[in-house]
Amino acid sequence: MFSFDNASKSMETMEEMLKGYSDMTKGFQLIAAEATDYSRRSFNEMTAFMESLMSARGMEEAYQIQTGYMKSSYDAFVAEAAKFGELYSQLAKTGYKLQPQPSTAVSTEVVAADAA
């Protein structure tokens, strides 16, 4: 038989699920925006590097310009990788924390109601 208590719990579960999907979507959008910004910065830095490399007057100056670019590029990549790691970690925590609690409570009551 239909129970209004089960319906309200199903509604709560649905609201929690939709909130979780919304939070996950925001996390993916944040990651995509960060990746776009990093790509743009990287391209601009590469363009500036190539311009300065083309204006080098000798091999030693070109080597110094290239070494400086490689060091700054590597440091920026490591910092960005750490930032992406944190963003993905937050996304995983968001996805994990919303799933087990509501569905377990409702499924336990449904199984108990079916057994009766």
Protein backbone atom coordinates (compact mmCIF):
# COMPACT_ATOMS: atom_id res chain seq x y z
CA MET A 1 0.00 0.00 0.00
CA PHE A 2 1.14 3.55 -0.67
CA SER A 3 2.44 5.44 2.33
CA PHE A 4 2.80 9.21 2.44
CA ASP A 5 5.79 8.83 4.78
CA ASN A 6 7.65 6.89 2.10
CA ALA A 7 6.65 9.48 -0.51
CA SER A 8 8.06 12.34 1.56
CA LYS A 9 11.28 10.40 2.14
CA SER A 10 11.50 9.73 -1.59
CA MET A 11 11.02 13.45 -2.21
CA GLU A 12 13.82 14.26 0.25
CA THR A 13 16.06 11.74 -1.46
CA MET A 14 15.27 13.21 -4.87
CA GLU A 15 16.05 16.74 -3.62
CA GLU A 16 19.36 15.58 -2.17
CA MET A 17 20.21 13.79 -5.40
CA LEU A 18 19.46 16.89 -7.50
CA LYS A 19 21.50 19.05 -5.13
CA GLY A 20 24.37 16.59 -5.53
CA TYR A 21 24.12 16.70 -9.32
CA SER A 22 24.11 20.49 -9.18
CA ASP A 23 27.22 20.53 -6.97
CA MET A 24 28.98 18.06 -9.26
CA THR A 25 28.12 20.16 -12.31
CA LYS A 26 29.52 23.27 -10.63
CA GLY A 27 32.71 21.36 -9.86
CA PHE A 28 33.11 20.26 -13.48
CA GLN A 29 32.48 23.82 -14.67
CA LEU A 30 35.13 25.13 -12.26
CA ILE A 31 37.64 22.58 -13.56
CA ALA A 32 36.84 23.48 -17.18
CA ALA A 33 37.22 27.20 -16.46
CA GLU A 34 40.54 26.61 -14.72
CA ALA A 35 41.81 24.50 -17.63
CA THR A 36 40.80 27.23 -20.09
CA ASP A 37 42.59 29.90 -18.06
CA TYR A 38 45.73 27.78 -17.79
CA SER A 39 45.73 27.11 -21.55
CA ARG A 40 45.34 30.81 -22.27
CA ARG A 41 48.17 31.78 -19.89
CA SER A 42 50.40 29.04 -21.27
CA PHE A 43 49.81 30.15 -24.86
CA ASN A 44 50.54 33.80 -24.00
CA GLU A 45 53.74 32.83 -22.18
CA MET A 46 54.84 30.68 -25.13
CA THR A 47 54.18 33.55 -27.54
CA ALA A 48 56.25 35.94 -25.41
CA PHE A 49 59.01 33.33 -25.16
CA MET A 50 59.15 32.83 -28.92
CA GLU A 51 59.29 36.58 -29.51
CA SER A 52 62.16 36.99 -27.06
CA LEU A 53 63.93 33.93 -28.49
CA MET A 54 63.70 35.34 -32.01
CA SER A 55 65.28 38.59 -30.82
CA ALA A 56 68.25 36.85 -29.15
CA ARG A 57 71.59 38.07 -30.45
CA GLY A 58 73.61 34.94 -29.80
CA MET A 59 73.48 31.31 -28.77
CA GLU A 60 74.29 32.03 -25.13
CA GLU A 61 71.49 34.57 -24.84
CA ALA A 62 69.09 32.16 -26.57
CA TYR A 63 70.13 29.43 -24.14
CA GLN A 64 69.48 31.71 -21.15
CA ILE A 65 66.07 32.71 -22.50
CA GLN A 66 65.17 29.07 -23.12
CA THR A 67 66.37 27.99 -19.67
CA GLY A 68 64.36 30.75 -17.99
CA TYR A 69 61.25 29.83 -19.93
CA MET A 70 61.57 26.13 -19.15
CA LYS A 71 62.00 26.79 -15.44
CA SER A 72 59.05 29.17 -15.22
CA SER A 73 56.92 26.90 -17.39
CA TYR A 74 57.69 23.86 -15.22
CA ASP A 75 56.96 25.77 -12.00
CA ALA A 76 53.64 27.00 -13.41
CA PHE A 77 52.73 23.46 -14.50
CA VAL A 78 53.48 21.99 -11.06
CA ALA A 79 51.41 24.70 -9.36
CA GLU A 80 48.54 24.13 -11.78
CA ALA A 81 48.70 20.36 -11.31
CA ALA A 82 48.43 20.83 -7.55
CA LYS A 83 45.43 23.11 -8.06
CA PHE A 84 43.75 20.56 -10.35
CA GLY A 85 44.44 17.83 -7.81
CA GLU A 86 42.66 19.87 -5.14
CA LEU A 87 39.71 20.60 -7.45
CA TYR A 88 39.30 16.92 -8.35
CA SER A 89 39.60 15.98 -4.68
CA GLN A 90 36.81 18.40 -3.77
CA LEU A 91 34.70 17.03 -6.62
CA ALA A 92 35.18 13.46 -5.42
CA LYS A 93 34.28 14.42 -1.84
CA THR A 94 31.13 16.15 -3.06
CA GLY A 95 30.07 13.09 -5.04
CA TYR A 96 30.82 10.69 -2.21
CA LYS A 97 29.23 12.52 0.71
CA LEU A 98 25.76 12.80 -0.84
CA GLN A 99 25.22 9.23 -2.03
CA PRO A 100 25.16 6.72 0.85
CA GLN A 101 22.99 8.32 3.53
CA PRO A 102 19.62 9.07 1.88
CA SER A 103 19.45 6.01 -0.36
CA THR A 104 20.34 3.63 2.48
CA ALA A 105 17.59 4.96 4.75
CA VAL A 106 14.90 4.70 2.07
CA SER A 107 15.98 1.30 0.77
CA THR A 108 15.98 -0.13 4.30
CA GLU A 109 12.40 1.01 4.84
CA VAL A 110 11.28 -0.30 1.44
CA VAL A 111 12.78 -3.71 2.15
CA ALA A 112 11.12 -3.76 5.58
CA ALA A 113 7.75 -2.76 4.07
CA ASP A 114 8.02 -5.45 1.38
CA ALA A 115 8.86 -8.09 3.99
CA ALA A 116 5.74 -7.25 6.00
